[in-house]
All heavy atoms as atom14 arrays in JSON, in Angstrom:
{
  "sequence": "AATYLSIWFAFGLACYFVLTALPLPRASQDLVGGLALALAGLYALT",
  "atom14_mask": [
    [1, 1, 1, 1, 1, 0, 0, 0, 0, 0, 0, 0, 0, 0],
    [1, 1, 1, 1, 1, 0, 0, 0, 0, 0, 0, 0, 0, 0],
    [1, 1, 1, 1, 1, 1, 1, 0, 0, 0, 0, 0, 0, 0],
    [1, 1, 1, 1, 1, 1, 1, 1, 1, 1, 1, 1, 0, 0],
    [1, 1, 1, 1, 1, 1, 1, 1, 0, 0, 0, 0, 0, 0],
    [1, 1, 1, 1, 1, 1, 0, 0, 0, 0, 0, 0, 0, 0],
    [1, 1, 1, 1, 1, 1, 1, 1, 0, 0, 0, 0, 0, 0],
    [1, 1, 1, 1, 1, 1, 1, 1, 1, 1, 1, 1, 1, 1],
    [1, 1, 1, 1, 1, 1, 1, 1, 1, 1, 1, 0, 0, 0],
    [1, 1, 1, 1, 1, 0, 0, 0, 0, 0, 0, 0, 0, 0],
    [1, 1, 1, 1, 1, 1, 1, 1, 1, 1, 1, 0, 0, 0],
    [1, 1, 1, 1, 0, 0, 0, 0, 0, 0, 0, 0, 0, 0],
    [1, 1, 1, 1, 1, 1, 1, 1, 0, 0, 0, 0, 0, 0],
    [1, 1, 1, 1, 1, 0, 0, 0, 0, 0, 0, 0, 0, 0],
    [1, 1, 1, 1, 1, 1, 0, 0, 0, 0, 0, 0, 0, 0],
    [1, 1, 1, 1, 1, 1, 1, 1, 1, 1, 1, 1, 0, 0],
    [1, 1, 1, 1, 1, 1, 1, 1, 1, 1, 1, 0, 0, 0],
    [1, 1, 1, 1, 1, 1, 1, 0, 0, 0, 0, 0, 0, 0],
    [1, 1, 1, 1, 1, 1, 1, 1, 0, 0, 0, 0, 0, 0],
    [1, 1, 1, 1, 1, 1, 1, 0, 0, 0, 0, 0, 0, 0],
    [1, 1, 1, 1, 1, 0, 0, 0, 0, 0, 0, 0, 0, 0],
    [1, 1, 1, 1, 1, 1, 1, 1, 0, 0, 0, 0, 0, 0],
    [1, 1, 1, 1, 1, 1, 1, 0, 0, 0, 0, 0, 0, 0],
    [1, 1, 1, 1, 1, 1, 1, 1, 0, 0, 0, 0, 0, 0],
    [1, 1, 1, 1, 1, 1, 1, 0, 0, 0, 0, 0, 0, 0],
    [1, 1, 1, 1, 1, 1, 1, 1, 1, 1, 1, 0, 0, 0],
    [1, 1, 1, 1, 1, 0, 0, 0, 0, 0, 0, 0, 0, 0],
    [1, 1, 1, 1, 1, 1, 0, 0, 0, 0, 0, 0, 0, 0],
    [1, 1, 1, 1, 1, 1, 1, 1, 1, 0, 0, 0, 0, 0],
    [1, 1, 1, 1, 1, 1, 1, 1, 0, 0, 0, 0, 0, 0],
    [1, 1, 1, 1, 1, 1, 1, 1, 0, 0, 0, 0, 0, 0],
    [1, 1, 1, 1, 1, 1, 1, 0, 0, 0, 0, 0, 0, 0],
    [1, 1, 1, 1, 0, 0, 0, 0, 0, 0, 0, 0, 0, 0],
    [1, 1, 1, 1, 0, 0, 0, 0, 0, 0, 0, 0, 0, 0],
    [1, 1, 1, 1, 1, 1, 1, 1, 0, 0, 0, 0, 0, 0],
    [1, 1, 1, 1, 1, 0, 0, 0, 0, 0, 0, 0, 0, 0],
    [1, 1, 1, 1, 1, 1, 1, 1, 0, 0, 0, 0, 0, 0],
    [1, 1, 1, 1, 1, 0, 0, 0, 0, 0, 0, 0, 0, 0],
    [1, 1, 1, 1, 1, 1, 1, 1, 0, 0, 0, 0, 0, 0],
    [1, 1, 1, 1, 1, 0, 0, 0, 0, 0, 0, 0, 0, 0],
    [1, 1, 1, 1, 0, 0, 0, 0, 0, 0, 0, 0, 0, 0],
    [1, 1, 1, 1, 1, 1, 1, 1, 0, 0, 0, 0, 0, 0],
    [1, 1, 1, 1, 1, 1, 1, 1, 1, 1, 1, 1, 0, 0],
    [1, 1, 1, 1, 1, 0, 0, 0, 0, 0, 0, 0, 0, 0],
    [1, 1, 1, 1, 1, 1, 1, 1, 0, 0, 0, 0, 0, 0],
    [1, 1, 1, 1, 1, 1, 1, 0, 0, 0, 0, 0, 0, 0]
  ],
  "atom14_positions": [
    [[54.92, 91.24, 67.74], [56.2, 91.54, 67.11], [56.7, 92.92, 67.52], [57.89, 93.1, 67.83], [56.06, 91.46, 65.59], [0.0, 0.0, 0.0], [0.0, 0.0, 0.0], [0.0, 0.0, 0.0], [0.0, 0.0, 0.0], [0.0, 0.0, 0.0], [0.0, 0.0, 0.0], [0.0, 0.0, 0.0], [0.0, 0.0, 0.0], [0.0, 0.0, 0.0]],
    [[55.82, 93.91, 67.52], [56.21, 95.27, 67.89], [56.67, 95.34, 69.34], [57.65, 96.02, 69.67], [55.06, 96.24, 67.65], [0.0, 0.0, 0.0], [0.0, 0.0, 0.0], [0.0, 0.0, 0.0], [0.0, 0.0, 0.0], [0.0, 0.0, 0.0], [0.0, 0.0, 0.0], [0.0, 0.0, 0.0], [0.0, 0.0, 0.0], [0.0, 0.0, 0.0]],
    [[55.98, 94.64, 70.23], [56.36, 94.62, 71.64], [57.72, 93.98, 71.81], [58.61, 94.52, 72.49], [55.32, 93.88, 72.49], [54.04, 94.5, 72.28], [55.66, 93.89, 73.95], [0.0, 0.0, 0.0], [0.0, 0.0, 0.0], [0.0, 0.0, 0.0], [0.0, 0.0, 0.0], [0.0, 0.0, 0.0], [0.0, 0.0, 0.0], [0.0, 0.0, 0.0]],
    [[57.92, 92.83, 71.17], [59.2, 92.12, 71.25], [60.34, 92.99, 70.75], [61.36, 93.15, 71.42], [59.09, 90.82, 70.42], [60.34, 90.0, 70.41], [60.59, 89.08, 71.42], [61.28, 90.11, 69.4], [61.72, 88.3, 71.43], [62.42, 89.37, 69.39], [62.64, 88.45, 70.4], [63.79, 87.7, 70.38], [0.0, 0.0, 0.0], [0.0, 0.0, 0.0]],
    [[60.16, 93.56, 69.58], [61.23, 94.4, 69.0], [61.49, 95.67, 69.79], [62.62, 96.13, 69.88], [60.88, 94.72, 67.55], [60.91, 93.52, 66.59], [60.41, 93.92, 65.21], [62.31, 92.9, 66.52], [0.0, 0.0, 0.0], [0.0, 0.0, 0.0], [0.0, 0.0, 0.0], [0.0, 0.0, 0.0], [0.0, 0.0, 0.0], [0.0, 0.0, 0.0]],
    [[60.44, 96.26, 70.36], [60.65, 97.49, 71.13], [61.46, 97.24, 72.4], [62.27, 98.08, 72.8], [59.32, 98.16, 71.46], [58.55, 97.37, 72.33], [0.0, 0.0, 0.0], [0.0, 0.0, 0.0], [0.0, 0.0, 0.0], [0.0, 0.0, 0.0], [0.0, 0.0, 0.0], [0.0, 0.0, 0.0], [0.0, 0.0, 0.0], [0.0, 0.0, 0.0]],
    [[61.28, 96.08, 73.01], [62.1, 95.76, 74.19], [63.55, 95.54, 73.79], [64.47, 96.04, 74.46], [61.5, 94.56, 74.95], [60.2, 94.99, 75.62], [62.49, 93.98, 75.97], [59.41, 93.91, 76.28], [0.0, 0.0, 0.0], [0.0, 0.0, 0.0], [0.0, 0.0, 0.0], [0.0, 0.0, 0.0], [0.0, 0.0, 0.0], [0.0, 0.0, 0.0]],
    [[63.78, 94.85, 72.68], [65.16, 94.7, 72.2], [65.76, 96.05, 71.81], [66.95, 96.3, 72.04], [65.22, 93.72, 71.04], [65.42, 92.31, 71.49], [64.53, 91.3, 71.44], [66.6, 91.77, 72.08], [65.08, 90.17, 71.95], [66.36, 90.43, 72.36], [67.85, 92.3, 72.41], [67.3, 89.59, 72.95], [68.78, 91.45, 73.0], [68.52, 90.13, 73.25]],
    [[64.96, 96.9, 71.21], [65.43, 98.23, 70.84], [65.84, 99.03, 72.08], [66.9, 99.67, 72.1], [64.34, 98.97, 70.05], [64.76, 100.33, 69.58], [65.67, 100.49, 68.57], [64.19, 101.46, 70.18], [66.05, 101.74, 68.15], [64.58, 102.72, 69.75], [65.49, 102.87, 68.73], [0.0, 0.0, 0.0], [0.0, 0.0, 0.0], [0.0, 0.0, 0.0]],
    [[65.04, 98.96, 73.12], [65.36, 99.65, 74.37], [66.65, 99.1, 74.98], [67.49, 99.87, 75.46], [64.2, 99.53, 75.37], [0.0, 0.0, 0.0], [0.0, 0.0, 0.0], [0.0, 0.0, 0.0], [0.0, 0.0, 0.0], [0.0, 0.0, 0.0], [0.0, 0.0, 0.0], [0.0, 0.0, 0.0], [0.0, 0.0, 0.0], [0.0, 0.0, 0.0]],
    [[66.83, 97.8, 74.95], [68.06, 97.2, 75.46], [69.27, 97.66, 74.63], [70.31, 98.02, 75.2], [67.97, 95.65, 75.42], [69.2, 94.96, 75.87], [69.49, 94.86, 77.22], [70.08, 94.38, 74.97], [70.64, 94.22, 77.67], [71.22, 93.75, 75.39], [71.51, 93.66, 76.74], [0.0, 0.0, 0.0], [0.0, 0.0, 0.0], [0.0, 0.0, 0.0]],
    [[69.11, 97.68, 73.33], [70.2, 98.15, 72.46], [70.54, 99.61, 72.71], [71.72, 99.99, 72.76], [0.0, 0.0, 0.0], [0.0, 0.0, 0.0], [0.0, 0.0, 0.0], [0.0, 0.0, 0.0], [0.0, 0.0, 0.0], [0.0, 0.0, 0.0], [0.0, 0.0, 0.0], [0.0, 0.0, 0.0], [0.0, 0.0, 0.0], [0.0, 0.0, 0.0]],
    [[69.52, 100.44, 72.89], [69.76, 101.85, 73.2], [70.49, 102.02, 74.53], [71.42, 102.84, 74.64], [68.46, 102.63, 73.24], [67.89, 103.12, 71.92], [66.56, 103.84, 72.14], [68.87, 104.02, 71.2], [0.0, 0.0, 0.0], [0.0, 0.0, 0.0], [0.0, 0.0, 0.0], [0.0, 0.0, 0.0], [0.0, 0.0, 0.0], [0.0, 0.0, 0.0]],
    [[70.08, 101.25, 75.54], [70.74, 101.32, 76.83], [72.21, 100.94, 76.69], [73.11, 101.62, 77.25], [70.04, 100.43, 77.84], [0.0, 0.0, 0.0], [0.0, 0.0, 0.0], [0.0, 0.0, 0.0], [0.0, 0.0, 0.0], [0.0, 0.0, 0.0], [0.0, 0.0, 0.0], [0.0, 0.0, 0.0], [0.0, 0.0, 0.0], [0.0, 0.0, 0.0]],
    [[72.51, 99.87, 75.96], [73.91, 99.47, 75.75], [74.69, 100.57, 75.02], [75.81, 100.89, 75.38], [73.96, 98.18, 74.94], [73.44, 96.72, 75.81], [0.0, 0.0, 0.0], [0.0, 0.0, 0.0], [0.0, 0.0, 0.0], [0.0, 0.0, 0.0], [0.0, 0.0, 0.0], [0.0, 0.0, 0.0], [0.0, 0.0, 0.0], [0.0, 0.0, 0.0]],
    [[74.07, 101.13, 73.99], [74.73, 102.17, 73.23], [75.03, 103.39, 74.09], [76.14, 103.96, 74.04], [73.87, 102.57, 72.02], [74.45, 103.71, 71.24], [75.51, 103.49, 70.37], [73.95, 104.99, 71.37], [76.07, 104.53, 69.65], [74.49, 106.04, 70.66], [75.55, 105.81, 69.8], [76.09, 106.85, 69.1], [0.0, 0.0, 0.0], [0.0, 0.0, 0.0]],
    [[74.05, 103.83, 74.89], [74.27, 105.0, 75.74], [75.34, 104.77, 76.79], [76.14, 105.64, 77.07], [72.97, 105.48, 76.37], [72.05, 106.16, 75.41], [70.72, 105.78, 75.31], [72.51, 107.16, 74.57], [69.86, 106.42, 74.41], [71.66, 107.81, 73.67], [70.35, 107.42, 73.59], [0.0, 0.0, 0.0], [0.0, 0.0, 0.0], [0.0, 0.0, 0.0]],
    [[75.37, 103.59, 77.35], [76.42, 103.28, 78.3], [77.78, 103.27, 77.62], [78.76, 103.81, 78.13], [76.16, 101.93, 79.02], [77.36, 101.45, 79.79], [74.95, 102.03, 79.93], [0.0, 0.0, 0.0], [0.0, 0.0, 0.0], [0.0, 0.0, 0.0], [0.0, 0.0, 0.0], [0.0, 0.0, 0.0], [0.0, 0.0, 0.0], [0.0, 0.0, 0.0]],
    [[77.84, 102.69, 76.43], [79.11, 102.63, 75.68], [79.61, 104.01, 75.31], [80.78, 104.31, 75.42], [78.93, 101.77, 74.44], [80.17, 101.49, 73.62], [81.17, 100.68, 74.43], [79.82, 100.78, 72.34], [0.0, 0.0, 0.0], [0.0, 0.0, 0.0], [0.0, 0.0, 0.0], [0.0, 0.0, 0.0], [0.0, 0.0, 0.0], [0.0, 0.0, 0.0]],
    [[78.7, 104.9, 74.89], [79.11, 106.25, 74.51], [79.4, 107.13, 75.73], [80.16, 108.07, 75.64], [78.08, 106.93, 73.61], [76.82, 106.95, 74.25], [77.97, 106.21, 72.27], [0.0, 0.0, 0.0], [0.0, 0.0, 0.0], [0.0, 0.0, 0.0], [0.0, 0.0, 0.0], [0.0, 0.0, 0.0], [0.0, 0.0, 0.0], [0.0, 0.0, 0.0]],
    [[78.78, 106.82, 76.87], [79.01, 107.6, 78.07], [80.37, 107.28, 78.7], [80.9, 108.09, 79.45], [77.9, 107.36, 79.1], [0.0, 0.0, 0.0], [0.0, 0.0, 0.0], [0.0, 0.0, 0.0], [0.0, 0.0, 0.0], [0.0, 0.0, 0.0], [0.0, 0.0, 0.0], [0.0, 0.0, 0.0], [0.0, 0.0, 0.0], [0.0, 0.0, 0.0]],
    [[80.9, 106.12, 78.37], [82.18, 105.7, 78.92], [83.2, 105.54, 77.8], [83.62, 104.43, 77.49], [82.04, 104.36, 79.67], [81.02, 104.33, 80.8], [80.83, 102.9, 81.28], [81.45, 105.23, 81.93], [0.0, 0.0, 0.0], [0.0, 0.0, 0.0], [0.0, 0.0, 0.0], [0.0, 0.0, 0.0], [0.0, 0.0, 0.0], [0.0, 0.0, 0.0]],
    [[83.64, 106.64, 77.18], [84.58, 106.51, 76.07], [85.91, 105.96, 76.56], [86.41, 106.35, 77.63], [84.72, 107.95, 75.54], [84.32, 108.82, 76.69], [83.35, 108.03, 77.5], [0.0, 0.0, 0.0], [0.0, 0.0, 0.0], [0.0, 0.0, 0.0], [0.0, 0.0, 0.0], [0.0, 0.0, 0.0], [0.0, 0.0, 0.0], [0.0, 0.0, 0.0]],
    [[86.43, 105.02, 75.8], [87.7, 104.39, 76.19], [88.78, 104.81, 75.22], [88.56, 104.92, 74.02], [87.55, 102.87, 76.12], [86.54, 102.25, 77.06], [86.33, 100.79, 76.7], [87.02, 102.38, 78.48], [0.0, 0.0, 0.0], [0.0, 0.0, 0.0], [0.0, 0.0, 0.0], [0.0, 0.0, 0.0], [0.0, 0.0, 0.0], [0.0, 0.0, 0.0]],
    [[89.99, 105.01, 75.73], [91.11, 105.25, 74.82], [91.33, 104.03, 73.93], [91.02, 102.91, 74.32], [92.31, 105.47, 75.73], [91.78, 105.52, 77.11], [90.39, 105.03, 77.11], [0.0, 0.0, 0.0], [0.0, 0.0, 0.0], [0.0, 0.0, 0.0], [0.0, 0.0, 0.0], [0.0, 0.0, 0.0], [0.0, 0.0, 0.0], [0.0, 0.0, 0.0]],
    [[91.86, 104.22, 72.76], [92.03, 103.12, 71.79], [92.79, 101.94, 72.41], [92.47, 100.79, 72.16], [92.75, 103.63, 70.54], [93.03, 102.58, 69.51], [91.74, 102.05, 68.87], [92.08, 100.89, 68.08], [91.38, 99.77, 68.07], [90.28, 99.67, 68.76], [91.73, 98.75, 67.35], [0.0, 0.0, 0.0], [0.0, 0.0, 0.0], [0.0, 0.0, 0.0]],
    [[93.78, 102.2, 73.22], [94.57, 101.13, 73.82], [93.72, 100.25, 74.74], [93.94, 99.06, 74.85], [95.75, 101.72, 74.6], [0.0, 0.0, 0.0], [0.0, 0.0, 0.0], [0.0, 0.0, 0.0], [0.0, 0.0, 0.0], [0.0, 0.0, 0.0], [0.0, 0.0, 0.0], [0.0, 0.0, 0.0], [0.0, 0.0, 0.0], [0.0, 0.0, 0.0]],
    [[92.74, 100.84, 75.39], [91.89, 100.08, 76.32], [90.78, 99.32, 75.62], [90.24, 98.36, 76.18], [91.26, 101.03, 77.34], [92.26, 101.66, 78.1], [0.0, 0.0, 0.0], [0.0, 0.0, 0.0], [0.0, 0.0, 0.0], [0.0, 0.0, 0.0], [0.0, 0.0, 0.0], [0.0, 0.0, 0.0], [0.0, 0.0, 0.0], [0.0, 0.0, 0.0]],
    [[90.41, 99.71, 74.42], [89.29, 99.07, 73.73], [89.55, 97.59, 73.47], [88.65, 96.77, 73.59], [88.98, 99.78, 72.42], [88.28, 101.1, 72.64], [87.98, 101.8, 71.34], [88.54, 101.48, 70.3], [87.1, 102.8, 71.4], [0.0, 0.0, 0.0], [0.0, 0.0, 0.0], [0.0, 0.0, 0.0], [0.0, 0.0, 0.0], [0.0, 0.0, 0.0]],
    [[90.77, 97.24, 73.13], [91.09, 95.85, 72.87], [90.97, 95.01, 74.14], [90.45, 93.89, 74.1], [92.51, 95.72, 72.3], [92.66, 96.51, 71.01], [91.65, 96.68, 70.29], [93.77, 96.96, 70.72], [0.0, 0.0, 0.0], [0.0, 0.0, 0.0], [0.0, 0.0, 0.0], [0.0, 0.0, 0.0], [0.0, 0.0, 0.0], [0.0, 0.0, 0.0]],
    [[91.42, 95.55, 75.23], [91.32, 94.86, 76.51], [89.86, 94.69, 76.91], [89.43, 93.62, 77.32], [92.11, 95.6, 77.59], [92.04, 95.0, 78.99], [92.65, 93.61, 79.01], [92.74, 95.93, 79.98], [0.0, 0.0, 0.0], [0.0, 0.0, 0.0], [0.0, 0.0, 0.0], [0.0, 0.0, 0.0], [0.0, 0.0, 0.0], [0.0, 0.0, 0.0]],
    [[89.07, 95.76, 76.77], [87.65, 95.7, 77.13], [86.91, 94.73, 76.23], [86.04, 93.99, 76.7], [87.02, 97.12, 77.06], [85.52, 97.07, 77.21], [87.63, 98.01, 78.14], [0.0, 0.0, 0.0], [0.0, 0.0, 0.0], [0.0, 0.0, 0.0], [0.0, 0.0, 0.0], [0.0, 0.0, 0.0], [0.0, 0.0, 0.0], [0.0, 0.0, 0.0]],
    [[87.23, 94.68, 74.96], [86.58, 93.72, 74.05], [86.84, 92.29, 74.44], [85.93, 91.47, 74.48], [0.0, 0.0, 0.0], [0.0, 0.0, 0.0], [0.0, 0.0, 0.0], [0.0, 0.0, 0.0], [0.0, 0.0, 0.0], [0.0, 0.0, 0.0], [0.0, 0.0, 0.0], [0.0, 0.0, 0.0], [0.0, 0.0, 0.0], [0.0, 0.0, 0.0]],
    [[88.1, 91.97, 74.74], [88.43, 90.62, 75.19], [87.76, 90.29, 76.51], [87.26, 89.17, 76.71], [0.0, 0.0, 0.0], [0.0, 0.0, 0.0], [0.0, 0.0, 0.0], [0.0, 0.0, 0.0], [0.0, 0.0, 0.0], [0.0, 0.0, 0.0], [0.0, 0.0, 0.0], [0.0, 0.0, 0.0], [0.0, 0.0, 0.0], [0.0, 0.0, 0.0]],
    [[87.74, 91.25, 77.4], [87.09, 91.06, 78.69], [85.58, 90.87, 78.54], [84.97, 90.05, 79.23], [87.38, 92.26, 79.6], [86.94, 92.15, 81.06], [87.62, 90.96, 81.73], [87.27, 93.44, 81.79], [0.0, 0.0, 0.0], [0.0, 0.0, 0.0], [0.0, 0.0, 0.0], [0.0, 0.0, 0.0], [0.0, 0.0, 0.0], [0.0, 0.0, 0.0]],
    [[84.97, 91.59, 77.61], [83.53, 91.44, 77.36], [83.19, 90.03, 76.9], [82.19, 89.46, 77.33], [83.06, 92.47, 76.32], [0.0, 0.0, 0.0], [0.0, 0.0, 0.0], [0.0, 0.0, 0.0], [0.0, 0.0, 0.0], [0.0, 0.0, 0.0], [0.0, 0.0, 0.0], [0.0, 0.0, 0.0], [0.0, 0.0, 0.0], [0.0, 0.0, 0.0]],
    [[84.03, 89.45, 76.06], [83.79, 88.09, 75.61], [83.92, 87.09, 76.77], [83.11, 86.19, 76.93], [84.76, 87.71, 74.49], [84.43, 88.32, 73.14], [85.61, 88.14, 72.18], [83.2, 87.68, 72.56], [0.0, 0.0, 0.0], [0.0, 0.0, 0.0], [0.0, 0.0, 0.0], [0.0, 0.0, 0.0], [0.0, 0.0, 0.0], [0.0, 0.0, 0.0]],
    [[84.96, 87.29, 77.58], [85.14, 86.38, 78.73], [83.99, 86.51, 79.72], [83.48, 85.51, 80.24], [86.47, 86.7, 79.42], [0.0, 0.0, 0.0], [0.0, 0.0, 0.0], [0.0, 0.0, 0.0], [0.0, 0.0, 0.0], [0.0, 0.0, 0.0], [0.0, 0.0, 0.0], [0.0, 0.0, 0.0], [0.0, 0.0, 0.0], [0.0, 0.0, 0.0]],
    [[83.52, 87.73, 79.95], [82.4, 87.92, 80.87], [81.09, 87.36, 80.29], [80.25, 86.85, 81.03], [82.23, 89.41, 81.22], [83.33, 89.98, 82.11], [83.13, 91.48, 82.29], [83.39, 89.28, 83.45], [0.0, 0.0, 0.0], [0.0, 0.0, 0.0], [0.0, 0.0, 0.0], [0.0, 0.0, 0.0], [0.0, 0.0, 0.0], [0.0, 0.0, 0.0]],
    [[80.94, 87.41, 78.96], [79.77, 86.78, 78.34], [79.8, 85.28, 78.57], [78.77, 84.65, 78.8], [79.74, 87.09, 76.84], [0.0, 0.0, 0.0], [0.0, 0.0, 0.0], [0.0, 0.0, 0.0], [0.0, 0.0, 0.0], [0.0, 0.0, 0.0], [0.0, 0.0, 0.0], [0.0, 0.0, 0.0], [0.0, 0.0, 0.0], [0.0, 0.0, 0.0]],
    [[81.0, 84.7, 78.54], [81.13, 83.28, 78.85], [80.78, 82.99, 80.3], [80.08, 82.0, 80.58], [0.0, 0.0, 0.0], [0.0, 0.0, 0.0], [0.0, 0.0, 0.0], [0.0, 0.0, 0.0], [0.0, 0.0, 0.0], [0.0, 0.0, 0.0], [0.0, 0.0, 0.0], [0.0, 0.0, 0.0], [0.0, 0.0, 0.0], [0.0, 0.0, 0.0]],
    [[81.21, 83.83, 81.22], [80.85, 83.63, 82.62], [79.36, 83.81, 82.83], [78.75, 83.08, 83.62], [81.62, 84.6, 83.51], [83.09, 84.29, 83.73], [83.74, 85.39, 84.55], [83.25, 82.95, 84.43], [0.0, 0.0, 0.0], [0.0, 0.0, 0.0], [0.0, 0.0, 0.0], [0.0, 0.0, 0.0], [0.0, 0.0, 0.0], [0.0, 0.0, 0.0]],
    [[78.76, 84.74, 82.13], [77.32, 84.96, 82.25], [76.55, 83.7, 81.83], [75.49, 83.41, 82.38], [76.9, 86.16, 81.38], [75.42, 86.47, 81.46], [74.87, 87.04, 82.6], [74.56, 86.15, 80.42], [73.52, 87.32, 82.69], [73.2, 86.42, 80.5], [72.69, 87.0, 81.64], [71.34, 87.25, 81.72], [0.0, 0.0, 0.0], [0.0, 0.0, 0.0]],
    [[77.11, 82.95, 80.88], [76.43, 81.72, 80.43], [76.32, 80.69, 81.54], [75.52, 79.76, 81.46], [77.2, 81.11, 79.24], [0.0, 0.0, 0.0], [0.0, 0.0, 0.0], [0.0, 0.0, 0.0], [0.0, 0.0, 0.0], [0.0, 0.0, 0.0], [0.0, 0.0, 0.0], [0.0, 0.0, 0.0], [0.0, 0.0, 0.0], [0.0, 0.0, 0.0]],
    [[77.07, 80.85, 82.62], [77.05, 79.89, 83.72], [76.17, 80.35, 84.89], [76.03, 79.64, 85.87], [78.47, 79.65, 84.25], [79.47, 79.1, 83.23], [80.86, 79.05, 83.83], [79.04, 77.74, 82.73], [0.0, 0.0, 0.0], [0.0, 0.0, 0.0], [0.0, 0.0, 0.0], [0.0, 0.0, 0.0], [0.0, 0.0, 0.0], [0.0, 0.0, 0.0]],
    [[75.57, 81.54, 84.78], [74.82, 82.09, 85.9], [73.39, 81.53, 85.95], [72.81, 81.16, 84.93], [74.73, 83.63, 85.81], [73.98, 83.98, 84.64], [76.11, 84.27, 85.76], [0.0, 0.0, 0.0], [0.0, 0.0, 0.0], [0.0, 0.0, 0.0], [0.0, 0.0, 0.0], [0.0, 0.0, 0.0], [0.0, 0.0, 0.0], [0.0, 0.0, 0.0]]
  ]
}
């Protein structure tokens, strides 16, 4: 359980650090959010 959760924790930290390192203006956040959903859909086909 600890190994499983620590890998997910590391993945979450990596996502968080990337998100905070690339601050987006409020106007762009909506576009990026919609694009993230569409790309998640494309990822499902890989």
